Amino acid sequence: MGHIKEPKGIDLVVAPMPFTEEDRKHISTIIQEYKKTGKIPVSRKAGQKKLKKKHVASQNQH
């Protein structure tokens, strides 16, 4: 894995995203189901669409 050089004037910060209480409960339910059946449950929140990766063009900032 290579080193990413920060452009001048831009700080790249990687920090964990905190989970909401709803997210924690949802993850806990998935883990319990996996431990009980040994299968990974397929689940999405109601109304959530499958995400597609997008290519974001870099912008030059002067």
N, C-alpha and C. Protein backbone atom coordinates (compact mmCIF):
# COMPACT_ATOMS: atom_id res chain seq x y z
N MET A 1 0.85 -1.16 0.00
CA MET A 1 0.00 0.00 0.00
C MET A 1 0.90 1.23 0.00
N GLY A 2 0.59 2.18 -0.85
CA GLY A 2 1.43 3.35 -0.98
C GLY A 2 1.05 4.48 -0.05
N HIS A 3 1.91 5.45 -0.03
CA HIS A 3 1.70 6.64 0.80
C HIS A 3 0.89 7.66 0.01
N ILE A 4 -0.13 8.26 0.64
CA ILE A 4 -0.94 9.28 -0.01
C ILE A 4 -0.44 10.63 0.46
N LYS A 5 0.00 11.44 -0.48
CA LYS A 5 0.51 12.76 -0.15
C LYS A 5 -0.65 13.75 -0.12
N GLU A 6 -0.73 14.53 0.95
CA GLU A 6 -1.79 15.53 1.06
C GLU A 6 -1.49 16.72 0.15
N PRO A 7 -2.48 17.14 -0.63
CA PRO A 7 -2.29 18.34 -1.45
C PRO A 7 -2.14 19.57 -0.54
N LYS A 8 -1.48 20.59 -1.02
CA LYS A 8 -1.30 21.80 -0.22
C LYS A 8 -2.66 22.42 0.08
N GLY A 9 -2.87 22.80 1.34
CA GLY A 9 -4.10 23.46 1.74
C GLY A 9 -5.25 22.52 2.05
N ILE A 10 -5.03 21.21 1.94
CA ILE A 10 -6.09 20.23 2.21
C ILE A 10 -5.59 19.23 3.24
N ASP A 11 -6.37 19.02 4.28
CA ASP A 11 -6.03 18.04 5.31
C ASP A 11 -6.91 16.82 5.13
N LEU A 12 -6.30 15.66 4.98
CA LEU A 12 -7.04 14.41 4.87
C LEU A 12 -7.12 13.79 6.25
N VAL A 13 -8.33 13.65 6.77
CA VAL A 13 -8.53 13.12 8.11
C VAL A 13 -9.43 11.89 8.00
N VAL A 14 -8.97 10.80 8.57
CA VAL A 14 -9.77 9.58 8.59
C VAL A 14 -10.13 9.31 10.04
N ALA A 15 -11.43 9.32 10.31
CA ALA A 15 -11.90 9.11 11.68
C ALA A 15 -13.09 8.15 11.66
N PRO A 16 -13.29 7.42 12.72
CA PRO A 16 -14.43 6.50 12.76
C PRO A 16 -15.75 7.28 12.82
N MET A 17 -16.76 6.71 12.19
CA MET A 17 -18.09 7.32 12.23
C MET A 17 -18.85 6.69 13.39
N PRO A 18 -19.39 7.49 14.29
CA PRO A 18 -20.14 6.93 15.42
C PRO A 18 -21.47 6.33 14.94
N PHE A 19 -21.85 5.21 15.57
CA PHE A 19 -23.11 4.56 15.23
C PHE A 19 -24.24 5.16 16.07
N THR A 20 -25.43 5.21 15.48
CA THR A 20 -26.60 5.62 16.25
C THR A 20 -27.06 4.42 17.06
N GLU A 21 -27.93 4.64 18.01
CA GLU A 21 -28.44 3.54 18.83
C GLU A 21 -29.21 2.54 17.95
N GLU A 22 -29.91 3.05 16.95
CA GLU A 22 -30.65 2.18 16.02
C GLU A 22 -29.68 1.29 15.26
N ASP A 23 -28.56 1.85 14.80
CA ASP A 23 -27.55 1.08 14.08
C ASP A 23 -26.96 -0.02 14.97
N ARG A 24 -26.68 0.32 16.22
CA ARG A 24 -26.11 -0.67 17.16
C ARG A 24 -27.07 -1.85 17.36
N LYS A 25 -28.35 -1.55 17.50
CA LYS A 25 -29.34 -2.61 17.69
C LYS A 25 -29.45 -3.48 16.44
N HIS A 26 -29.41 -2.84 15.28
CA HIS A 26 -29.50 -3.58 14.02
C HIS A 26 -28.30 -4.52 13.86
N ILE A 27 -27.11 -4.02 14.15
CA ILE A 27 -25.90 -4.84 14.06
C ILE A 27 -25.95 -5.99 15.06
N SER A 28 -26.42 -5.71 16.27
CA SER A 28 -26.53 -6.73 17.29
C SER A 28 -27.48 -7.85 16.85
N THR A 29 -28.60 -7.47 16.23
CA THR A 29 -29.56 -8.45 15.73
C THR A 29 -28.93 -9.33 14.66
N ILE A 30 -28.17 -8.74 13.78
CA ILE A 30 -27.50 -9.51 12.72
C ILE A 30 -26.50 -10.49 13.32
N ILE A 31 -25.73 -10.04 14.30
CA ILE A 31 -24.74 -10.91 14.95
C ILE A 31 -25.43 -12.08 15.65
N GLN A 32 -26.52 -11.81 16.36
CA GLN A 32 -27.26 -12.87 17.05
C GLN A 32 -27.80 -13.90 16.06
N GLU A 33 -28.32 -13.43 14.94
CA GLU A 33 -28.86 -14.34 13.91
C GLU A 33 -27.73 -15.20 13.34
N TYR A 34 -26.56 -14.60 13.11
CA TYR A 34 -25.43 -15.35 12.59
C TYR A 34 -24.98 -16.42 13.57
N LYS A 35 -24.91 -16.07 14.84
CA LYS A 35 -24.48 -17.04 15.85
C LYS A 35 -25.47 -18.19 15.98
N LYS A 36 -26.75 -17.88 15.79
CA LYS A 36 -27.79 -18.90 15.94
C LYS A 36 -27.82 -19.85 14.73
N THR A 37 -27.71 -19.31 13.51
CA THR A 37 -27.87 -20.13 12.31
C THR A 37 -26.58 -20.43 11.57
N GLY A 38 -25.56 -19.62 11.78
CA GLY A 38 -24.31 -19.80 11.04
C GLY A 38 -24.36 -19.19 9.65
N LYS A 39 -25.47 -18.55 9.30
CA LYS A 39 -25.62 -17.92 7.99
C LYS A 39 -25.63 -16.41 8.16
N ILE A 40 -25.07 -15.73 7.18
CA ILE A 40 -25.08 -14.28 7.22
C ILE A 40 -26.43 -13.80 6.68
N PRO A 41 -27.22 -13.14 7.51
CA PRO A 41 -28.52 -12.68 7.04
C PRO A 41 -28.38 -11.51 6.06
N VAL A 42 -29.23 -11.51 5.04
CA VAL A 42 -29.25 -10.41 4.09
C VAL A 42 -30.31 -9.45 4.59
N SER A 43 -29.86 -8.27 4.96
CA SER A 43 -30.82 -7.30 5.49
C SER A 43 -30.44 -5.90 5.09
N ARG A 44 -31.44 -5.11 4.85
CA ARG A 44 -31.28 -3.69 4.60
C ARG A 44 -32.38 -2.97 5.35
N LYS A 45 -32.11 -1.75 5.74
CA LYS A 45 -33.14 -0.96 6.39
C LYS A 45 -34.23 -0.66 5.37
N ALA A 46 -35.45 -0.49 5.84
CA ALA A 46 -36.57 -0.20 4.96
C ALA A 46 -36.28 1.06 4.14
N GLY A 47 -36.48 0.95 2.84
CA GLY A 47 -36.28 2.10 1.96
C GLY A 47 -34.84 2.34 1.55
N GLN A 48 -33.92 1.52 2.02
CA GLN A 48 -32.51 1.71 1.68
C GLN A 48 -32.22 1.01 0.37
N LYS A 49 -31.57 1.70 -0.53
CA LYS A 49 -31.22 1.14 -1.83
C LYS A 49 -29.79 0.62 -1.80
N LYS A 50 -29.49 -0.27 -2.71
CA LYS A 50 -28.14 -0.79 -2.84
C LYS A 50 -27.24 0.33 -3.34
N LEU A 51 -26.11 0.52 -2.68
CA LEU A 51 -25.21 1.60 -3.03
C LEU A 51 -24.30 1.19 -4.17
N LYS A 52 -24.06 2.13 -5.06
CA LYS A 52 -23.12 1.91 -6.15
C LYS A 52 -21.92 2.79 -5.90
N LYS A 53 -20.76 2.28 -6.25
CA LYS A 53 -19.55 3.07 -6.10
C LYS A 53 -19.53 4.13 -7.20
N LYS A 54 -19.18 5.34 -6.81
CA LYS A 54 -19.10 6.44 -7.76
C LYS A 54 -17.66 6.86 -7.88
N HIS A 55 -17.30 7.23 -9.09
CA HIS A 55 -15.96 7.77 -9.32
C HIS A 55 -16.06 9.27 -9.15
N VAL A 56 -15.29 9.81 -8.23
CA VAL A 56 -15.31 11.24 -7.97
C VAL A 56 -14.04 11.84 -8.57
N ALA A 57 -14.26 12.78 -9.49
CA ALA A 57 -13.11 13.44 -10.12
C ALA A 57 -12.51 14.42 -9.13
N SER A 58 -11.20 14.42 -9.05
CA SER A 58 -10.54 15.34 -8.13
C SER A 58 -10.62 16.75 -8.69
N GLN A 59 -10.76 17.71 -7.80
CA GLN A 59 -10.84 19.10 -8.19
C GLN A 59 -9.57 19.79 -7.74
N ASN A 60 -9.04 20.60 -8.62
CA ASN A 60 -7.84 21.36 -8.27
C ASN A 60 -8.26 22.60 -7.50
N GLN A 61 -7.67 22.80 -6.36
CA GLN A 61 -7.97 23.98 -5.57
C GLN A 61 -6.72 24.85 -5.52
N HIS A 62 -6.89 26.08 -5.90
CA HIS A 62 -5.76 27.01 -5.91
C HIS A 62 -6.00 28.10 -4.92
